[in-house]
Structure formats: structure tokens, C-alpha cells
Protein backbone atom coordinates (compact mmCIF):
# COMPACT_ATOMS: atom_id res chain seq x y z
CA MET A 1 150.17 143.99 146.65
CA ALA A 2 151.00 141.92 149.90
CA ARG A 3 150.84 143.76 153.04
CA ARG A 4 154.46 143.97 154.46
CA THR A 5 155.25 141.79 157.65
CA ASN A 6 158.34 141.53 159.91
CA ALA A 7 158.39 137.60 159.60
CA VAL A 8 160.82 137.77 156.60
CA ALA A 9 162.92 140.84 158.39
CA PRO A 10 164.68 138.90 161.56
CA ALA A 11 166.99 142.48 161.83
CA ALA A 12 164.21 144.47 161.65
CA THR A 13 164.51 148.17 163.65
CA ASP A 14 161.96 149.43 165.97
CA ASP A 15 161.03 151.80 162.95
CA THR A 16 160.37 149.19 161.20
CA ASP A 17 158.52 147.75 163.76
CA ALA A 18 156.55 150.93 163.96
CA THR A 19 155.66 150.91 160.34
CA ASP A 20 154.26 147.60 160.24
CA THR A 21 152.27 148.08 163.19
CA LYS A 22 151.09 151.18 161.73
CA SER A 23 150.32 149.26 158.22
CA ALA A 24 148.21 146.49 160.24
CA ARG A 25 145.87 148.91 162.12
CA THR A 26 145.41 151.01 159.10
CA ARG A 27 144.61 147.63 157.13
CA ALA A 28 142.34 146.67 160.22
CA ARG A 29 140.62 149.96 159.80
CA LEU A 30 140.13 149.17 156.08
CA LEU A 31 138.58 145.92 156.45
CA ASP A 32 136.31 147.12 159.23
CA ALA A 33 135.16 149.37 156.88
CA ALA A 34 134.52 147.78 153.89
CA ALA A 35 132.55 145.39 155.75
CA ARG A 36 130.35 148.13 157.63
CA VAL A 37 129.85 149.43 153.33
CA LEU A 38 129.23 145.98 152.46
CA SER A 39 126.72 145.34 154.64
CA GLU A 40 124.77 148.32 153.88
CA LYS A 41 124.89 148.65 150.34
CA GLY A 42 125.73 144.98 149.09
CA PHE A 43 128.35 143.90 146.86
CA ALA A 44 127.07 146.05 143.85
CA GLY A 45 126.49 149.10 145.54
CA THR A 46 130.16 148.66 147.37
CA ARG A 47 132.68 151.05 145.91
CA LEU A 48 136.02 151.31 146.81
CA SER A 49 135.47 154.96 146.92
CA ASP A 50 132.88 154.69 149.69
CA ILE A 51 135.08 152.51 151.52
CA ALA A 52 138.31 154.55 151.58
CA LYS A 53 136.39 157.11 153.08
CA ALA A 54 134.59 155.16 155.54
CA ALA A 55 138.30 154.12 156.84
CA GLN A 56 139.23 157.74 156.72
CA ILE A 57 142.44 156.76 153.72
CA GLN A 58 143.07 157.92 150.20
CA ALA A 59 141.07 155.34 147.67
CA PRO A 60 144.67 154.15 145.82
CA ALA A 61 146.26 153.51 149.39
CA ILE A 62 143.75 150.54 149.21
CA TYR A 63 145.98 148.72 146.47
CA TYR A 64 148.32 148.22 149.16
CA TYR A 65 146.61 146.29 150.65
CA TYR A 66 144.54 144.10 148.49
CA PRO A 67 145.19 144.17 144.44
CA SER A 68 141.23 144.61 143.47
CA ARG A 69 137.88 145.43 144.88
CA GLU A 70 137.15 141.87 144.71
CA ASP A 71 140.21 140.80 146.97
CA LEU A 72 139.17 142.90 149.96
CA ILE A 73 135.16 142.22 149.31
CA GLU A 74 136.28 138.29 149.37
CA ASP A 75 138.31 138.91 152.53
CA VAL A 76 135.32 140.38 154.10
CA VAL A 77 132.74 137.99 153.62
CA ALA A 78 135.41 134.76 154.70
CA THR A 79 135.95 137.04 157.85
CA GLY A 80 132.57 137.60 158.48
CA ALA A 81 131.39 133.33 157.74
CA ILE A 82 134.60 132.70 160.28
CA SER A 83 132.70 134.90 162.85
CA LEU A 84 129.52 133.39 162.70
CA ARG A 85 130.95 129.82 163.20
CA ASP A 86 133.35 130.96 166.17
CA HIS A 87 130.80 133.17 168.06
CA LEU A 88 127.95 130.52 167.79
CA SER A 89 130.70 127.73 169.12
CA GLN A 90 131.57 130.07 171.59
CA VAL A 91 127.87 130.87 173.39
CA LEU A 92 127.09 126.89 173.09
CA GLU A 93 130.67 125.70 174.91
CA ALA A 94 130.12 128.22 177.38
CA LEU A 95 126.79 126.92 178.78
CA PRO A 96 126.97 124.05 181.52
CA PRO A 97 127.48 120.67 179.97
CA ASP A 98 123.92 119.13 181.04
CA THR A 99 121.45 122.35 179.12
CA PRO A 100 118.63 120.39 177.58
CA PRO A 101 118.87 120.48 173.83
CA ALA A 102 116.10 122.79 173.48
CA GLU A 103 117.73 125.67 175.80
CA ARG A 104 120.96 125.18 173.93
CA ILE A 105 118.97 125.81 170.67
CA ALA A 106 117.13 129.26 172.27
CA ALA A 107 120.83 130.12 173.28
CA ALA A 108 122.03 129.65 169.81
CA VAL A 109 119.37 131.65 168.20
CA GLU A 110 119.73 134.41 170.58
CA ALA A 111 123.53 134.22 169.57
CA GLN A 112 123.03 134.21 165.74
CA LEU A 113 120.33 137.48 165.66
CA ARG A 114 122.37 139.37 168.47
CA HIS A 115 125.89 138.36 166.05
CA GLU A 116 124.30 139.55 163.08
CA LEU A 117 122.02 142.52 164.07
CA GLN A 118 123.97 144.25 166.32
CA LEU A 119 127.49 143.11 166.96
CA SER A 120 129.50 142.36 163.71
CA ASP A 121 129.54 144.48 160.32
CA TYR A 122 130.92 141.19 159.18
CA ALA A 123 128.45 138.72 160.00
CA ARG A 124 125.99 141.55 158.19
CA ALA A 125 128.07 141.28 155.35
CA VAL A 126 128.29 137.83 155.23
CA VAL A 127 124.34 136.71 155.34
CA ARG A 128 123.23 139.78 152.82
CA ASN A 129 126.01 138.98 150.45
CA ALA A 130 127.36 135.33 150.33
CA ASN A 131 124.77 133.97 147.92
CA GLN A 132 125.28 137.00 145.34
CA LEU A 133 128.67 136.59 145.03
CA PRO A 134 130.48 134.78 142.23
CA GLU A 135 131.70 131.43 143.14
CA HIS A 136 135.56 132.23 143.31
CA LEU A 137 134.73 134.90 145.90
CA SER A 138 132.39 132.90 148.09
CA ALA A 139 134.34 129.96 148.20
CA ARG A 140 136.44 130.79 151.29
CA ALA A 141 133.60 131.67 153.25
CA ARG A 142 131.26 128.46 152.10
CA VAL A 143 133.37 126.21 153.88
CA HIS A 144 133.02 128.15 157.04
CA ILE A 145 129.50 128.82 156.96
CA GLY A 146 129.08 124.70 156.56
CA GLU A 147 131.07 124.40 159.90
CA PHE A 148 128.22 126.58 161.18
CA HIS A 149 125.46 124.69 159.59
CA ASP A 150 127.23 121.72 161.04
CA ILE A 151 126.47 123.44 164.53
CA TRP A 152 123.36 123.56 164.02
CA ARG A 153 122.80 120.38 162.31
CA GLY A 154 124.15 119.04 165.54
CA LEU A 155 121.73 121.20 167.50
CA VAL A 156 118.82 119.73 165.61
CA GLU A 157 120.27 116.11 166.04
CA ASP A 158 120.34 116.59 169.84
CA LEU A 159 116.40 117.43 169.74
CA ARG A 160 115.67 114.59 168.05
CA SER A 161 117.46 112.65 169.78
CA ALA A 162 115.77 113.39 173.37
CA GLY A 163 112.57 112.79 171.59
CA GLN A 164 111.89 116.34 171.38
CA LEU A 165 111.35 116.70 167.52
CA ARG A 166 108.18 116.50 165.91
CA HIS A 167 107.72 113.67 163.76
CA ASP A 168 106.82 115.47 160.53
CA VAL A 169 109.66 117.95 160.63
CA GLU A 170 112.57 116.87 158.57
CA PRO A 171 115.56 117.39 160.72
CA SER A 172 117.59 119.05 157.79
CA ILE A 173 114.17 121.12 156.38
CA GLY A 174 113.58 122.25 159.72
CA ARG A 175 117.26 123.40 160.18
CA MET A 176 117.49 125.32 156.79
CA LEU A 177 114.27 126.87 157.96
CA VAL A 178 114.94 128.14 161.16
CA ILE A 179 118.48 129.43 159.76
CA GLY A 180 116.99 131.24 156.95
CA SER A 181 114.30 133.09 158.78
CA LEU A 182 116.94 134.31 161.39
CA ASN A 183 119.16 135.21 158.52
CA TRP A 184 116.38 137.22 156.63
CA ALA A 185 115.92 139.19 160.38
CA VAL A 186 119.36 141.52 158.99
CA GLU A 187 116.80 142.63 155.88
CA TRP A 188 113.93 144.08 158.10
CA TRP A 189 115.57 144.63 161.52
CA ASP A 190 115.60 148.29 162.31
CA PRO A 191 117.06 149.17 165.84
CA GLN A 192 115.10 152.60 165.28
CA ARG A 193 112.26 150.86 165.78
CA GLY A 194 112.41 147.35 167.23
CA ASP A 195 113.79 146.11 170.55
CA ILE A 196 116.32 143.54 170.03
CA ASP A 197 115.87 141.48 173.13
CA ARG A 198 111.81 141.68 172.13
CA THR A 199 113.08 140.45 168.78
CA ILE A 200 115.16 137.53 170.23
CA THR A 201 112.15 136.42 172.45
CA VAL A 202 109.87 136.35 170.07
CA ALA A 203 112.36 134.10 167.53
CA GLN A 204 113.41 131.97 170.02
CA SER A 205 109.14 130.91 170.88
CA MET A 206 108.46 130.82 167.11
CA VAL A 207 111.54 128.60 166.42
CA LEU A 208 111.08 126.40 169.57
CA HIS A 209 107.36 126.05 169.03
CA ALA A 210 107.90 125.27 165.28
CA LEU A 211 110.30 122.30 166.13
CA ARG A 212 108.92 120.70 169.54
CA PRO A 213 105.45 119.03 169.52
């Protein structure tokens, strides 16, 4: 069942507004809970009962917002893909226009790792599950993941145009290896055993040493 909105009720009373505001908050809490569970348990292990418990609602109430478990998961991974793209874009846009290509790549490495490991359950959920989902559940997310890759494609191309990319590095292969290695960190990094700032510093050093002469 689709969430009710005030868009079709121009004469809504204050009580209706309050109800819809509460509904929006509950939906957001549900989506946050689903992202957290999906990031921890994966697609196969995610159960509506776990999501409901994390969201502090009754499991049947989920069907007020989403027709099925699959629809909820599809929304989570699409939201996660958008957050990956937008966070990286915002970090890069905040840099001074004359920032050298290598420094932009270092900033991108930090943005991606900090977002996936520390800031966003949605980012972890899409990174860990996008390739495990049936096509109809991942199609919307893949559009935004493609846009995320386009940003990285531009970063590597700028490095090449500046004459700072190793001649033996094929740009598309180098880009995919960098993104893949950064994404893999969600599988092994443990905040109890590794300082994220140190992890980022090592990743920046390894990426730049791999790409540059």
C-alpha cells in the first residue's frame, strides 16, 4: 500500500497533517532500520521481523509502507546508491577548483571509505548487496552506481591528462581495481580493531602509488 500524502488533499486539517508527518517519520525510521539490517545480514539473511524490531514497529505495519520485503530492500539499495554518488560529488565540489588531480583522488578515497565504513548504513548496504540482488531489485540502484563510476572515471582521466597516470595502467582497469578494493573494506574493516583515519591514510598511499609513475 502506498504511503498517504497530503498532495491529494488540499483541504487537509491540522490532524491530517500531523498524521502524515508521523507516517513520514515512521517510514524514515523503517527505511533506516532496513538499511542497518541489510548492511549487517545481507540480502538472504534480512528478515522483516528483524527490520520491524530495529524500527520498533509491529512487523505487519511494514505492509502499510511497502507491499513486500523485496520492495523495501529495493528502496534501501537505491537510496544507498544515490548517497554514494551524492556524497562523493559533494566532497569533490567542495575542493578548490585548482586542486591537483592526485589530491582529488586522495579526497575521493577518503570520501568513499569514510562514507561506507563510518557514516552510512545505506552505503554499506548497497556495497555489500548490489551484486547479490535479482536484476529487478538492483536496476534502479545500478543507474546511480553508474553515475558514481562516472565520477571516478573523470578523476582517473584527469590524472592521465595531467601526465600523472602510469603508462602501464589501463584507465578503466585501474579505476575498477581502485573502487573494488575500497568497497571490499566493508567486509573486513572492524572499528574495534582499526582506526579509520589510519585505514584511509594507508588506502590513499596505496592508490596513489599504484596509479602514478
